[in-house]
Amino acid sequence: MKKTLLLLIILIINKSFSQNRLNGTVLNYETKKPIEYADVYNNRNFTSTNSEGKFLFKSESDSIKIRLIGYEPIFTTFNKIKNDTIFLKNKFEELGEITLNNKNPILKIYRSVVNNYPSEPYTETFFLRCQIRKNGRLLKIQDLNGFVNRKMLFGTSEKPMPKKNYKVEVLNVRKRGINESIKFVMFNFKQIFEHIAGIGLNVQEFKFNKNRSKDKNFVKYSFFLKSENKPKIEGYYLTNKNDNAITEYKIKEILNDSYKKGRGFKYKTNYLEKSIFFKKNIKNGKYFIHKAKINTETELINEGGIRNIYNETHLYLTLNQTNLKLKRKHSLKKDVFEFRKPYDPKFWKKQEYLLLTKEMEEFLTKIKDSNNEFKTTTNIR
């Protein structure tokens, strides 16, 4: 009887501490295309879908929430999910556009920035994935984890952005790539932070349209430049109707830059595009940068006239906000691909915030140089 009771207790303990696991894919219900950056979470754990819509979610809790602004959220459990392919329905059904005049709601949204976003110092834990492609093929991958301290998120006319607004501490790095030097200047932390915090426009230079929809909580304002003589710029704000907060910002700028000359080569940037997603902190009622994606295309021509196209992509995730102080300050102006830290297998074994895509896994399999510091578990897919 005692043995039976002991066995029962052990089984109950193991059950209570067992970890649920879901390896899935999130697709758009209407288009069947993968949805990137959808949140998969509960009150204990969090992960995000990659560009293929794939995710790996583990938790001791049984509940699962899958959400992305603009889609109908799903609230379920590990036990209830019968299929690893999950479809989200678009709830932002557009009914047409209304052209706005100069006295448009965008100005009201800008005036609400001071109330909706933090203007006091705070620190967040981040995960950053950096990729470089040459002529469409992967050339380098680097993942970084660390802390960033911001004095404020956005500057205003009354309280402009400080010159030294950011401090960063890099805790973990893994990298792998083909050994080829990049001749043009790559992004550093300062540029990345400034890009994802740069969401303001000169309202006088743009035309705005209000996208009517059936959604009662959010409204979408698309914009484009008035002048045809300037570079083509277009994008949109997705705002919360209740507090005028910007919850999503997307912009693409087609540049007409002239070539810059280097030693034996010339180059120019063809376009820059970025998407920034904001999330409200329930504790302080302020929105913070939840996720961001920056992509640039650079064209380089060497002295032999050979043309190559480089795409630089940075995917940023805020993991949590913390009161911890930075122990060490790293350079904000150093190319992020140049950071080197001791490889920490414990951290990367647990890292499931953003799965590798199939393309990345195949790339890592081919590049087996021991000098490249990018290791991963074999069961991530």
Protein backbone atom coordinates (compact mmCIF):
# COMPACT_ATOMS: atom_id res chain seq x y z
CA MET A 1 0.00 0.00 0.00
CA LYS A 2 2.84 2.38 0.91
CA LYS A 3 4.64 1.62 -2.38
CA THR A 4 1.44 2.26 -4.34
CA LEU A 5 0.89 5.57 -2.52
CA LEU A 6 4.51 6.63 -3.11
CA LEU A 7 4.23 5.79 -6.80
CA LEU A 8 1.00 7.78 -7.05
CA ILE A 9 2.65 10.82 -5.40
CA ILE A 10 5.61 10.61 -7.78
CA LEU A 11 3.28 10.43 -10.79
CA ILE A 12 1.31 13.46 -9.56
CA ILE A 13 4.52 15.46 -9.01
CA ASN A 14 5.88 14.53 -12.44
CA LYS A 15 2.55 15.45 -14.04
CA SER A 16 2.45 18.83 -12.29
CA PHE A 17 5.96 19.69 -13.47
CA SER A 18 5.69 18.13 -16.95
CA GLN A 19 6.16 20.47 -19.85
CA ASN A 20 3.62 20.78 -22.64
CA ARG A 21 5.04 21.21 -26.13
CA LEU A 22 3.54 22.47 -29.40
CA ASN A 23 5.54 22.70 -32.61
CA GLY A 24 3.18 24.54 -34.95
CA THR A 25 2.58 26.88 -37.87
CA VAL A 26 0.29 29.93 -37.97
CA LEU A 27 -1.33 30.78 -41.31
CA ASN A 28 -3.72 33.44 -42.60
CA TYR A 29 -7.16 31.81 -42.85
CA GLU A 30 -8.06 33.66 -46.08
CA THR A 31 -4.74 33.54 -47.99
CA LYS A 32 -3.16 30.46 -46.36
CA LYS A 33 0.10 32.42 -46.20
CA PRO A 34 2.34 32.26 -43.10
CA ILE A 35 1.89 34.95 -40.46
CA GLU A 36 5.12 36.35 -39.07
CA TYR A 37 5.47 37.77 -35.56
CA ALA A 38 2.25 36.30 -34.11
CA ASP A 39 2.46 36.02 -30.31
CA VAL A 40 2.14 32.53 -28.81
CA TYR A 41 2.03 32.83 -25.04
CA ASN A 42 0.41 32.35 -21.65
CA ASN A 43 1.07 33.89 -18.24
CA ARG A 44 4.34 31.96 -17.91
CA ASN A 45 5.93 31.66 -21.34
CA PHE A 46 6.23 33.51 -24.65
CA THR A 47 7.41 32.87 -28.20
CA SER A 48 6.85 34.37 -31.65
CA THR A 49 6.33 32.96 -35.15
CA ASN A 50 9.13 33.32 -37.70
CA SER A 51 8.79 34.32 -41.37
CA GLU A 52 7.47 30.83 -42.17
CA GLY A 53 4.81 31.17 -39.46
CA LYS A 54 6.53 28.45 -37.41
CA PHE A 55 6.96 28.38 -33.65
CA LEU A 56 7.89 26.05 -30.80
CA PHE A 57 6.00 26.69 -27.57
CA LYS A 58 6.76 24.91 -24.30
CA SER A 59 5.05 25.54 -21.00
CA GLU A 60 4.10 23.85 -17.75
CA SER A 61 0.80 25.71 -18.02
CA ASP A 62 -1.86 24.19 -20.29
CA SER A 63 -3.24 27.46 -21.68
CA ILE A 64 -2.23 28.93 -25.04
CA LYS A 65 -3.01 32.36 -26.49
CA ILE A 66 -2.24 33.17 -30.13
CA ARG A 67 -2.62 36.80 -31.09
CA LEU A 68 -1.61 39.45 -33.60
CA ILE A 69 -3.29 42.83 -33.98
CA GLY A 70 -5.66 42.76 -36.93
CA TYR A 71 -6.57 39.08 -36.46
CA GLU A 72 -9.11 37.31 -34.30
CA PRO A 73 -7.18 35.91 -31.31
CA ILE A 74 -7.30 32.26 -30.31
CA PHE A 75 -7.56 31.19 -26.65
CA THR A 76 -7.12 27.45 -26.23
CA THR A 77 -5.09 24.75 -24.45
CA PHE A 78 -2.46 22.19 -25.42
CA ASN A 79 -5.03 19.43 -24.88
CA LYS A 80 -7.61 21.02 -27.18
CA ILE A 81 -5.30 21.63 -30.15
CA LYS A 82 -5.63 18.68 -32.53
CA ASN A 83 -3.64 20.11 -35.44
CA ASP A 84 -0.24 21.81 -35.51
CA THR A 85 -1.42 24.16 -38.30
CA ILE A 86 -3.38 27.07 -36.83
CA PHE A 87 -5.37 29.60 -38.87
CA LEU A 88 -6.01 33.20 -37.82
CA LYS A 89 -8.92 35.10 -39.35
CA ASN A 90 -8.37 38.67 -40.43
CA LYS A 91 -10.80 40.92 -38.52
CA PHE A 92 -9.64 44.13 -40.17
CA GLU A 93 -11.88 43.90 -43.22
CA GLU A 94 -11.39 47.10 -45.19
CA LEU A 95 -14.48 48.82 -46.61
CA GLY A 96 -12.74 51.59 -48.52
CA GLU A 97 -10.72 54.75 -47.91
CA ILE A 98 -11.51 58.32 -46.91
CA THR A 99 -9.03 61.05 -47.87
CA LEU A 100 -8.22 63.31 -44.93
CA ASN A 101 -7.44 67.02 -45.01
CA ASN A 102 -4.58 68.76 -43.21
CA LYS A 103 -6.54 68.87 -39.96
CA ASN A 104 -6.50 65.10 -39.71
CA PRO A 105 -6.46 62.74 -36.72
CA ILE A 106 -2.72 62.10 -37.13
CA LEU A 107 -1.98 65.37 -35.31
CA LYS A 108 -4.17 64.24 -32.43
CA ILE A 109 -2.32 60.93 -32.37
CA TYR A 110 1.04 62.74 -32.21
CA ARG A 111 -0.19 64.88 -29.32
CA SER A 112 -1.12 61.70 -27.45
CA VAL A 113 2.43 60.35 -27.57
CA VAL A 114 3.35 61.95 -24.24
CA ASN A 115 0.53 60.05 -22.50
CA ASN A 116 0.86 56.72 -24.27
CA TYR A 117 4.61 56.02 -24.28
CA PRO A 118 7.31 56.12 -21.57
CA SER A 119 9.20 59.39 -21.18
CA GLU A 120 11.23 58.21 -18.19
CA PRO A 121 14.24 55.83 -18.17
CA TYR A 122 13.55 52.09 -18.38
CA THR A 123 15.39 48.89 -19.26
CA GLU A 124 14.28 45.95 -21.39
CA THR A 125 15.70 42.54 -22.27
CA PHE A 126 15.96 42.03 -26.04
CA PHE A 127 16.60 39.35 -28.63
CA LEU A 128 18.01 40.50 -31.98
CA ARG A 129 18.45 38.40 -35.11
CA CYS A 130 20.64 39.87 -37.86
CA GLN A 131 20.90 38.48 -41.38
CA ILE A 132 22.79 39.45 -44.52
CA ARG A 133 21.92 38.11 -47.95
CA LYS A 134 24.03 38.45 -51.07
CA ASN A 135 22.07 38.21 -54.32
CA GLY A 136 19.22 36.53 -52.44
CA ARG A 137 21.33 33.90 -50.65
CA LEU A 138 22.23 33.90 -46.97
CA LEU A 139 25.72 35.16 -46.24
CA LYS A 140 25.71 35.72 -42.47
CA ILE A 141 23.43 35.09 -39.47
CA GLN A 142 23.91 36.46 -35.97
CA ASP A 143 21.69 36.29 -32.87
CA LEU A 144 22.24 38.59 -29.89
CA ASN A 145 20.63 38.85 -26.47
CA GLY A 146 21.09 41.57 -23.88
CA PHE A 147 19.76 44.67 -22.13
CA VAL A 148 18.99 48.11 -23.52
CA ASN A 149 18.37 51.11 -21.30
CA ARG A 150 16.37 54.00 -22.80
CA LYS A 151 16.01 57.42 -21.20
CA MET A 152 12.77 57.80 -23.17
CA LEU A 153 11.08 56.08 -26.10
CA PHE A 154 10.02 59.07 -28.22
CA GLY A 155 11.04 62.70 -28.21
CA THR A 156 8.52 65.54 -28.41
CA SER A 157 8.79 69.28 -29.08
CA GLU A 158 8.44 69.90 -25.34
CA LYS A 159 10.83 67.11 -24.37
CA PRO A 160 13.26 66.31 -27.22
CA MET A 161 15.20 63.06 -27.44
CA PRO A 162 18.48 63.18 -25.46
CA LYS A 163 21.72 62.86 -27.45
CA LYS A 164 22.80 59.84 -25.40
CA ASN A 165 19.44 58.12 -25.14
CA TYR A 166 20.63 54.50 -25.17
CA LYS A 167 22.90 52.16 -23.25
CA VAL A 168 23.33 48.53 -24.26
CA GLU A 169 24.81 45.44 -22.67
CA VAL A 170 25.29 42.33 -24.85
CA LEU A 171 24.99 39.10 -22.86
CA ASN A 172 24.89 36.30 -25.46
CA VAL A 173 25.96 36.00 -29.09
CA ARG A 174 25.95 33.24 -31.67
CA LYS A 175 27.00 33.71 -35.28
CA ARG A 176 27.84 31.91 -38.45
CA GLY A 177 28.58 33.05 -41.97
CA ILE A 178 30.66 32.81 -45.10
CA ASN A 179 34.00 34.52 -44.60
CA GLU A 180 33.49 37.55 -46.83
CA SER A 181 34.15 41.11 -45.72
CA ILE A 182 31.40 43.66 -46.39
CA LYS A 183 32.81 46.84 -47.90
CA PHE A 184 30.00 49.22 -46.99
CA VAL A 185 29.01 50.28 -43.45
CA MET A 186 26.61 47.92 -41.68
CA PHE A 187 24.04 48.84 -39.00
CA ASN A 188 25.10 49.45 -35.41
CA PHE A 189 22.97 49.41 -32.26
CA LYS A 190 22.45 53.17 -32.28
CA GLN A 191 21.05 53.08 -35.81
CA ILE A 192 18.80 50.10 -35.04
CA PHE A 193 17.36 51.73 -31.90
CA GLU A 194 16.84 55.05 -33.67
CA HIS A 195 15.11 53.39 -36.62
CA ILE A 196 12.64 51.43 -34.51
CA ALA A 197 11.89 54.54 -32.42
CA GLY A 198 11.51 56.74 -35.51
CA ILE A 199 7.80 56.79 -36.37
CA GLY A 200 7.11 60.50 -36.85
CA LEU A 201 6.36 62.18 -40.19
CA ASN A 202 6.25 65.76 -41.44
CA VAL A 203 2.46 65.82 -41.79
CA GLN A 204 2.55 68.69 -44.30
CA GLU A 205 4.49 66.58 -46.81
CA PHE A 206 2.12 63.60 -46.78
CA LYS A 207 -1.39 62.67 -47.82
CA PHE A 208 -3.37 60.49 -45.42
CA ASN A 209 -6.26 58.13 -46.04
CA LYS A 210 -8.45 56.60 -43.37
CA ASN A 211 -9.14 52.94 -44.09
CA ARG A 212 -12.69 52.20 -43.03
CA SER A 213 -13.26 48.77 -41.53
CA LYS A 214 -15.59 46.70 -39.37
CA ASP A 215 -13.10 46.64 -36.52
CA LYS A 216 -14.38 48.75 -33.63
CA ASN A 217 -11.13 48.98 -31.69
CA PHE A 218 -8.53 49.94 -34.29
CA VAL A 219 -8.29 52.31 -37.25
CA LYS A 220 -5.74 52.26 -40.04
CA TYR A 221 -4.30 55.42 -41.61
CA SER A 222 -2.30 54.89 -44.80
CA PHE A 223 0.05 57.62 -46.06
CA PHE A 224 2.18 58.57 -49.06
CA LEU A 225 4.22 61.58 -50.17
CA LYS A 226 2.46 64.47 -51.90
CA SER A 227 5.44 65.34 -54.12
CA GLU A 228 6.37 63.00 -56.95
CA ASN A 229 9.84 64.55 -57.24
CA LYS A 230 10.96 63.11 -53.90
CA PRO A 231 11.73 59.47 -53.07
CA LYS A 232 8.67 57.25 -52.93
CA ILE A 233 7.51 56.76 -49.34
CA GLU A 234 4.38 54.93 -48.26
CA GLY A 235 3.08 53.07 -45.26
CA TYR A 236 0.45 53.13 -42.53
CA TYR A 237 -0.33 53.64 -38.85
CA LEU A 238 -2.62 51.22 -37.05
CA THR A 239 -4.02 53.03 -34.02
CA ASN A 240 -6.14 52.20 -31.00
CA LYS A 241 -9.40 54.16 -31.14
CA ASN A 242 -9.73 54.27 -27.36
CA ASP A 243 -6.48 56.09 -26.53
CA ASN A 244 -5.10 57.24 -29.95
CA ALA A 245 -2.00 55.09 -29.45
CA ILE A 246 -0.02 53.82 -32.44
CA THR A 247 0.01 50.03 -32.15
CA GLU A 248 1.67 49.27 -35.50
CA TYR A 249 3.75 51.33 -37.91
CA LYS A 250 4.96 50.29 -41.34
CA ILE A 251 6.91 52.32 -43.88
CA LYS A 252 8.84 51.66 -47.08
CA GLU A 253 11.09 54.27 -48.66
CA ILE A 254 12.36 53.82 -52.21
CA LEU A 255 15.54 55.88 -52.37
CA ASN A 256 16.99 57.72 -55.35
CA ASP A 257 20.45 57.92 -53.84
CA SER A 258 23.50 58.49 -55.99
CA TYR A 259 26.43 56.09 -55.70
CA LYS A 260 28.94 56.61 -52.90
CA LYS A 261 32.53 55.85 -53.81
CA GLY A 262 34.83 53.56 -51.88
CA ARG A 263 38.28 52.18 -52.64
CA GLY A 264 37.74 50.11 -55.78
CA PHE A 265 33.94 50.06 -55.55
CA LYS A 266 30.80 52.19 -55.40
CA TYR A 267 27.50 51.54 -53.65
CA LYS A 268 24.06 52.95 -52.91
CA THR A 269 21.02 52.06 -50.82
CA ASN A 270 17.97 51.19 -52.94
CA TYR A 271 15.30 51.03 -50.24
CA LEU A 272 14.61 50.86 -46.53
CA GLU A 273 11.51 49.35 -44.96
CA LYS A 274 10.54 48.78 -41.37
CA SER A 275 7.64 47.44 -39.31
CA ILE A 276 7.24 48.26 -35.62
CA PHE A 277 4.68 46.69 -33.29
CA PHE A 278 3.77 48.16 -29.89
CA LYS A 279 2.25 46.50 -26.85
CA LYS A 280 0.74 48.01 -23.72
CA ASN A 281 2.34 47.34 -20.36
CA ILE A 282 -0.61 46.63 -18.08
CA LYS A 283 1.29 47.69 -14.96
CA ASN A 284 2.11 51.27 -16.00
CA GLY A 285 -0.37 51.74 -18.87
CA LYS A 286 2.42 52.71 -21.31
CA TYR A 287 3.11 51.20 -24.73
CA PHE A 288 6.55 49.82 -25.56
CA ILE A 289 8.24 48.42 -28.67
CA HIS A 290 7.21 44.79 -28.69
CA LYS A 291 8.68 43.73 -32.04
CA ALA A 292 10.38 45.38 -34.99
CA LYS A 293 11.79 44.45 -38.37
CA ILE A 294 14.17 46.54 -40.47
CA ASN A 295 15.22 45.60 -44.00
CA THR A 296 17.54 47.50 -46.34
CA GLU A 297 18.84 46.75 -49.81
CA THR A 298 22.29 47.95 -50.89
CA GLU A 299 23.67 47.75 -54.42
CA LEU A 300 27.46 47.44 -54.80
CA ILE A 301 29.50 47.59 -58.01
CA ASN A 302 33.19 46.68 -57.87
CA GLU A 303 35.97 48.01 -60.07
CA GLY A 304 35.37 45.17 -62.54
CA GLY A 305 31.78 46.33 -63.03
CA ILE A 306 30.28 43.31 -61.25
CA ARG A 307 27.02 44.20 -59.49
CA ASN A 308 25.94 42.55 -56.22
CA ILE A 309 22.82 43.12 -54.14
CA TYR A 310 23.00 42.89 -50.33
CA ASN A 311 19.95 42.70 -48.07
CA GLU A 312 20.46 43.48 -44.39
CA THR A 313 17.63 42.41 -42.05
CA HIS A 314 17.25 42.95 -38.30
CA LEU A 315 14.48 41.31 -36.27
CA TYR A 316 14.02 42.75 -32.77
CA LEU A 317 12.00 41.26 -29.91
CA THR A 318 11.44 42.76 -26.45
CA LEU A 319 11.41 39.84 -24.02
CA ASN A 320 10.53 41.71 -20.82
CA GLN A 321 10.98 44.98 -18.96
CA THR A 322 13.23 44.94 -15.91
CA ASN A 323 14.65 47.10 -13.13
CA LEU A 324 18.10 45.51 -13.42
CA LYS A 325 21.00 47.89 -13.99
CA LEU A 326 23.48 47.32 -16.77
CA LYS A 327 26.77 45.89 -15.50
CA ARG A 328 28.70 46.74 -18.63
CA LYS A 329 28.15 49.22 -21.45
CA HIS A 330 28.97 48.09 -24.98
CA SER A 331 29.61 50.30 -27.98
CA LEU A 332 26.53 51.66 -29.72
CA LYS A 333 28.52 52.51 -32.85
CA LYS A 334 30.08 49.09 -33.42
CA ASP A 335 28.79 46.97 -36.32
CA VAL A 336 26.46 44.43 -34.67
CA PHE A 337 28.05 41.64 -36.74
CA GLU A 338 31.38 42.39 -35.04
CA PHE A 339 30.21 41.53 -31.52
CA ARG A 340 31.85 38.47 -29.97
CA LYS A 341 30.92 36.89 -26.67
CA PRO A 342 31.65 33.46 -25.17
CA TYR A 343 29.06 30.96 -26.38
CA ASP A 344 26.65 30.02 -23.60
CA PRO A 345 25.05 26.63 -24.44
CA LYS A 346 22.59 26.88 -21.54
CA PHE A 347 21.07 30.10 -22.91
CA TRP A 348 20.86 29.00 -26.54
CA LYS A 349 19.41 25.61 -25.63
CA LYS A 350 16.48 27.39 -23.95
CA GLN A 351 16.15 30.10 -26.62
CA GLU A 352 12.90 29.54 -28.49
CA TYR A 353 11.77 33.14 -28.96
CA LEU A 354 12.27 32.92 -32.72
CA LEU A 355 12.80 29.60 -34.51
CA LEU A 356 15.28 29.25 -37.34
CA THR A 357 13.69 28.93 -40.77
CA LYS A 358 14.32 25.92 -42.99
CA GLU A 359 16.59 28.08 -45.14
CA MET A 360 18.67 29.03 -42.09
CA GLU A 361 18.99 25.44 -40.91
CA GLU A 362 20.20 24.33 -44.34
CA PHE A 363 22.68 27.22 -44.39
CA LEU A 364 24.04 26.28 -40.95
CA THR A 365 24.41 22.66 -42.02
CA LYS A 366 26.54 23.67 -45.00
CA ILE A 367 28.72 26.13 -43.06
CA LYS A 368 30.59 23.97 -40.54
CA ASP A 369 33.64 26.14 -39.94
CA SER A 370 34.63 25.77 -36.27
CA ASN A 371 35.54 29.48 -36.17
CA ASN A 372 31.90 30.40 -36.67
CA GLU A 373 30.05 30.54 -33.35
CA PHE A 374 26.52 29.40 -34.10
CA LYS A 375 25.35 26.28 -32.37
CA THR A 376 21.80 25.08 -31.97
CA THR A 377 19.91 22.07 -30.68
CA THR A 378 18.88 19.39 -33.13
CA ASN A 379 15.24 19.26 -32.05
CA ILE A 380 14.15 22.85 -32.65
CA ARG A 381 11.82 21.96 -35.52
